[in-house]
């Protein structure tokens, strides 16, 4: 069960954030409303939410998940795959010192973004993508081993991040779409298939027996609800325009 979450208020500089989505520019005022609602939902799930101030220097800094991997035993500061995000790790390391005694850090030539890392119990799947290389993923796996955990690599073909197309919902249930439906690494899970036309909904998050999914994907909602989960829909359309999803917007702590 999660106890806390860390989020960061989006800055107006998000309008110049990284994206491949071709969905137009975000509406900043609408993004602030959606972010506030996201925080409210996390609180409804029983989390104590720490809200970091906006940082206009880093347009993508509201996507706090990418810059750290949080486990029960340690925090691992990542090494973002884009230079414009490198300074974010310095700030998040300062924040995490209030929560963790054990903090590790990925070094060059490794690059890793935690959007490429999915936790399944004490095992972590690490996607190899444009934002995460084998060197960086290998460093993360060594840190995990140091604290009694494990990790393995998953080669990505099309998506930006691993969790763009796959999410673990506990109880051996895996939400998946696209290339992840047939990947050998995931065939022992009970796969909840998300249709291609609702693939954005594959990025969802389990929070204390509830599942947060993006608003506006009725087939995905029905699929996940049919597995016995209580669903909360959250509108994150303005963050979708920056390739962001529900998991990207928070760091969740045990």
Protein backbone atom coordinates (compact mmCIF):
# COMPACT_ATOMS: atom_id res chain seq x y z
CA UNK A 1 0.00 0.00 0.00
CA UNK A 2 1.20 3.50 -0.79
CA UNK A 3 1.27 6.14 1.94
CA UNK A 4 2.58 9.26 0.24
CA UNK A 5 2.97 10.90 -3.13
CA UNK A 6 5.16 13.68 -4.45
CA UNK A 7 3.93 15.90 -7.28
CA UNK A 8 5.14 19.13 -8.85
CA UNK A 9 2.91 21.96 -9.96
CA UNK A 10 3.32 22.55 -13.70
CA UNK A 11 4.98 25.77 -14.73
CA UNK A 12 3.89 27.91 -17.63
CA UNK A 13 7.07 26.79 -19.39
CA UNK A 14 5.32 23.45 -19.95
CA UNK A 15 4.10 25.02 -23.17
CA UNK A 16 7.60 24.42 -24.55
CA UNK A 17 7.90 20.90 -23.12
CA UNK A 18 9.11 17.88 -25.05
CA UNK A 19 6.49 16.11 -27.15
CA UNK A 20 5.89 13.85 -30.12
CA UNK A 21 2.11 13.79 -29.65
CA UNK A 22 1.02 16.32 -32.31
CA UNK A 23 -2.04 17.23 -30.24
CA UNK A 24 -1.38 20.95 -30.04
CA UNK A 25 -0.14 23.12 -27.19
CA UNK A 26 -1.46 22.56 -23.68
CA UNK A 27 -3.82 25.09 -22.14
CA UNK A 28 -1.93 26.13 -19.03
CA UNK A 29 -4.91 27.20 -16.94
CA UNK A 30 -6.70 23.96 -17.77
CA UNK A 31 -3.56 22.00 -16.90
CA UNK A 32 -3.50 23.59 -13.44
CA UNK A 33 -7.14 22.58 -12.87
CA UNK A 34 -6.43 19.02 -14.01
CA UNK A 35 -3.33 18.81 -11.82
CA UNK A 36 -5.30 19.97 -8.77
CA UNK A 37 -7.93 17.31 -9.48
CA UNK A 38 -5.19 14.68 -9.80
CA UNK A 39 -3.91 15.64 -6.33
CA UNK A 40 -7.44 15.44 -4.93
CA UNK A 41 -7.87 11.92 -6.31
CA UNK A 42 -4.56 10.76 -4.79
CA UNK A 43 -5.73 12.11 -1.44
CA UNK A 44 -9.05 10.28 -1.84
CA UNK A 45 -6.98 7.10 -2.23
CA UNK A 46 -5.44 7.72 1.18
CA UNK A 47 -2.16 9.34 0.18
CA UNK A 48 -0.50 12.26 1.88
CA UNK A 49 0.54 14.42 -1.07
CA UNK A 50 3.58 16.72 -1.01
CA UNK A 51 3.29 19.40 -3.68
CA UNK A 52 6.56 20.82 -4.99
CA UNK A 53 6.59 24.34 -6.35
CA UNK A 54 6.63 24.86 -10.10
CA UNK A 55 10.04 25.22 -11.71
CA UNK A 56 9.94 27.30 -14.86
CA UNK A 57 13.56 26.40 -15.66
CA UNK A 58 12.50 22.85 -16.51
CA UNK A 59 9.42 22.67 -18.79
CA UNK A 60 8.88 18.93 -18.21
CA UNK A 61 9.45 18.95 -14.46
CA UNK A 62 5.79 18.30 -13.60
CA UNK A 63 6.47 14.73 -14.82
CA UNK A 64 8.27 13.89 -11.57
CA UNK A 65 8.15 10.13 -12.02
CA UNK A 66 10.87 10.14 -14.68
CA UNK A 67 13.65 11.42 -12.44
CA UNK A 68 13.55 8.85 -9.63
CA UNK A 69 12.66 5.23 -8.97
CA UNK A 70 11.22 4.70 -5.51
CA UNK A 71 11.31 1.26 -3.89
CA UNK A 72 10.65 0.06 -0.35
CA UNK A 73 14.38 -0.15 0.33
CA UNK A 74 15.95 2.72 -1.59
CA UNK A 75 15.50 5.60 -4.00
CA UNK A 76 17.38 5.60 -7.29
CA UNK A 77 17.98 8.95 -8.99
CA UNK A 78 17.79 8.42 -12.72
CA UNK A 79 19.63 10.07 -15.62
CA UNK A 80 17.08 11.52 -18.06
CA UNK A 81 17.66 10.81 -21.72
CA UNK A 82 17.19 14.43 -22.77
CA UNK A 83 19.68 17.15 -21.72
CA UNK A 84 16.90 19.65 -20.97
CA UNK A 85 15.82 17.51 -18.00
CA UNK A 86 19.22 16.80 -16.43
CA UNK A 87 18.93 19.48 -13.75
CA UNK A 88 15.70 18.01 -12.42
CA UNK A 89 17.57 15.17 -10.74
CA UNK A 90 19.54 17.54 -8.50
CA UNK A 91 16.32 18.99 -7.11
CA UNK A 92 14.51 15.70 -6.59
CA UNK A 93 17.51 14.21 -4.77
CA UNK A 94 17.29 17.02 -2.21
CA UNK A 95 13.58 16.29 -1.73
CA UNK A 96 14.03 12.54 -1.35
CA UNK A 97 16.61 12.93 1.42
CA UNK A 98 13.63 13.65 3.68
CA UNK A 99 12.19 10.21 2.91
CA UNK A 100 15.12 7.85 2.26
CA UNK A 101 18.35 6.96 3.97
CA UNK A 102 19.50 4.94 0.96
CA UNK A 103 19.77 6.95 -2.25
CA UNK A 104 21.64 5.70 -5.33
CA UNK A 105 22.29 7.57 -8.57
CA UNK A 106 22.73 6.54 -12.20
CA UNK A 107 25.88 7.93 -13.83
CA UNK A 108 26.98 8.54 -17.43
CA UNK A 109 27.11 6.97 -19.94
CA UNK A 110 23.90 5.51 -18.60
CA UNK A 111 20.57 7.14 -19.30
CA UNK A 112 17.34 6.08 -17.60
CA UNK A 113 13.88 7.55 -17.15
CA UNK A 114 11.63 5.86 -14.62
CA UNK A 115 8.73 5.93 -17.07
CA UNK A 116 10.62 2.95 -18.50
CA UNK A 117 10.50 1.03 -15.20
CA UNK A 118 7.57 -1.08 -13.99
CA UNK A 119 7.49 -2.58 -10.49
CA UNK A 120 6.02 -6.03 -9.94
CA UNK A 121 6.56 -6.88 -6.30
CA UNK A 122 10.33 -6.94 -5.75
CA UNK A 123 11.08 -7.36 -9.47
CA UNK A 124 11.40 -4.45 -11.89
CA UNK A 125 11.01 -4.52 -15.67
CA UNK A 126 13.19 -1.95 -17.44
CA UNK A 127 12.36 -0.87 -20.97
CA UNK A 128 15.20 -0.14 -23.39
CA UNK A 129 14.08 2.89 -25.36
CA UNK A 130 15.20 6.21 -26.78
CA UNK A 131 15.19 7.49 -23.17
CA UNK A 132 16.79 4.50 -21.42
CA UNK A 133 19.89 2.63 -22.57
CA UNK A 134 21.32 -0.72 -21.49
CA UNK A 135 24.10 0.90 -19.49
CA UNK A 136 21.67 2.92 -17.42
CA UNK A 137 19.25 0.03 -16.98
CA UNK A 138 22.16 -2.18 -15.96
CA UNK A 139 23.16 0.29 -13.25
CA UNK A 140 19.60 0.30 -11.92
CA UNK A 141 19.54 -3.51 -11.80
CA UNK A 142 22.80 -3.56 -9.82
CA UNK A 143 21.34 -1.09 -7.32
CA UNK A 144 18.22 -3.24 -6.99
CA UNK A 145 20.34 -6.34 -6.35
CA UNK A 146 22.22 -4.47 -3.62
CA UNK A 147 18.95 -4.15 -1.70
CA UNK A 148 17.62 -7.64 -2.34
CA UNK A 149 15.51 -6.90 -5.41
CA UNK A 150 15.86 -7.82 -9.09
CA UNK A 151 15.37 -6.44 -12.57
CA UNK A 152 15.22 -7.49 -16.21
CA UNK A 153 15.29 -5.78 -19.60
CA UNK A 154 12.47 -5.37 -22.11
CA UNK A 155 13.28 -4.13 -25.61
CA UNK A 156 10.77 -1.56 -26.86
CA UNK A 157 9.87 -1.26 -30.52
CA UNK A 158 7.54 1.70 -30.92
CA UNK A 159 6.50 3.45 -27.71
CA UNK A 160 8.21 6.31 -25.87
CA UNK A 161 8.35 4.58 -22.47
CA UNK A 162 7.62 1.10 -21.18
CA UNK A 163 4.65 2.35 -19.16
CA UNK A 164 3.20 4.06 -22.21
CA UNK A 165 1.77 0.67 -23.08
CA UNK A 166 1.78 -1.51 -19.97
CA UNK A 167 0.78 -1.12 -16.31
CA UNK A 168 0.79 -3.59 -13.43
CA UNK A 169 -2.34 -3.60 -11.26
CA UNK A 170 -1.32 -6.15 -8.63
CA UNK A 171 -2.93 -9.62 -8.29
CA UNK A 172 -0.99 -10.71 -11.40
CA UNK A 173 -3.12 -8.43 -13.62
CA UNK A 174 -1.34 -6.50 -16.35
CA UNK A 175 -2.95 -3.83 -18.50
CA UNK A 176 -1.34 -3.94 -21.94
CA UNK A 177 -1.74 -2.69 -25.48
CA UNK A 178 0.07 -2.88 -28.80
CA UNK A 179 3.49 -4.51 -28.82
CA UNK A 180 3.19 -5.59 -25.18
CA UNK A 181 0.37 -8.02 -25.83
CA UNK A 182 2.75 -10.54 -27.36
CA UNK A 183 6.02 -9.87 -25.54
CA UNK A 184 7.36 -13.08 -24.06
CA UNK A 185 8.27 -11.37 -20.78
CA UNK A 186 4.61 -10.78 -19.93
CA UNK A 187 2.90 -14.00 -20.97
CA UNK A 188 2.61 -15.33 -17.40
CA UNK A 189 0.41 -12.41 -16.40
CA UNK A 190 -3.34 -12.15 -16.75
CA UNK A 191 -3.37 -9.58 -19.55
CA UNK A 192 -6.16 -7.01 -19.66
CA UNK A 193 -6.06 -5.98 -23.31
CA UNK A 194 -6.59 -2.35 -24.25
CA UNK A 195 -7.71 -1.73 -27.82
CA UNK A 196 -5.45 0.24 -30.14
CA UNK A 197 -7.92 3.12 -30.40
CA UNK A 198 -7.80 3.54 -26.60
CA UNK A 199 -4.10 2.77 -26.15
CA UNK A 200 -3.49 5.92 -24.10
CA UNK A 201 -5.52 4.33 -21.28
CA UNK A 202 -2.89 1.59 -20.90
CA UNK A 203 -0.99 4.08 -18.76
CA UNK A 204 -3.01 3.74 -15.57
CA UNK A 205 -2.00 3.39 -11.93
CA UNK A 206 -2.99 1.14 -9.05
CA UNK A 207 -3.30 3.13 -5.83
CA UNK A 208 -4.42 1.21 -2.76
CA UNK A 209 -6.98 -1.07 -4.43
CA UNK A 210 -8.25 1.59 -6.81
CA UNK A 211 -7.20 2.11 -10.40
CA UNK A 212 -6.81 5.58 -11.84
CA UNK A 213 -7.40 5.72 -15.58
CA UNK A 214 -7.52 8.67 -17.97
CA UNK A 215 -10.99 10.03 -18.60
CA UNK A 216 -12.70 9.29 -21.90
CA UNK A 217 -11.83 5.65 -22.60
CA UNK A 218 -15.01 3.63 -21.96
CA UNK A 219 -13.79 0.31 -23.36
CA UNK A 220 -10.65 0.42 -21.23
CA UNK A 221 -12.72 1.30 -18.18
CA UNK A 222 -15.00 -1.68 -18.78
CA UNK A 223 -12.06 -4.03 -19.29
CA UNK A 224 -10.34 -3.02 -16.07
CA UNK A 225 -13.54 -2.87 -14.03
CA UNK A 226 -14.42 -6.39 -15.21
CA UNK A 227 -11.32 -7.61 -13.34
CA UNK A 228 -12.87 -6.38 -10.10
CA UNK A 229 -11.21 -3.00 -9.69
CA UNK A 230 -12.77 0.21 -8.44
CA UNK A 231 -12.11 2.82 -11.15
CA UNK A 232 -11.48 6.54 -10.85
CA UNK A 233 -11.32 8.52 -14.09
CA UNK A 234 -8.98 11.51 -14.20
CA UNK A 235 -8.85 14.12 -16.95
CA UNK A 236 -5.23 14.61 -18.05
CA UNK A 237 -5.73 15.77 -21.65
CA UNK A 238 -3.37 18.73 -21.29
CA UNK A 239 -0.55 16.48 -20.13
CA UNK A 240 -1.28 13.98 -22.89
CA UNK A 241 -0.28 16.75 -25.31
CA UNK A 242 3.25 16.46 -23.85
CA UNK A 243 3.41 12.65 -24.03
CA UNK A 244 2.57 12.52 -20.33
CA UNK A 245 0.20 10.15 -18.56
CA UNK A 246 -1.17 9.43 -15.11
CA UNK A 247 1.89 7.60 -13.82
CA UNK A 248 4.23 10.39 -14.96
CA UNK A 249 2.66 12.98 -12.66
CA UNK A 250 3.61 11.52 -9.29
CA UNK A 251 6.20 9.65 -7.28
CA UNK A 252 4.41 7.22 -4.99
CA UNK A 253 6.02 6.18 -1.70
CA UNK A 254 5.40 3.20 0.56
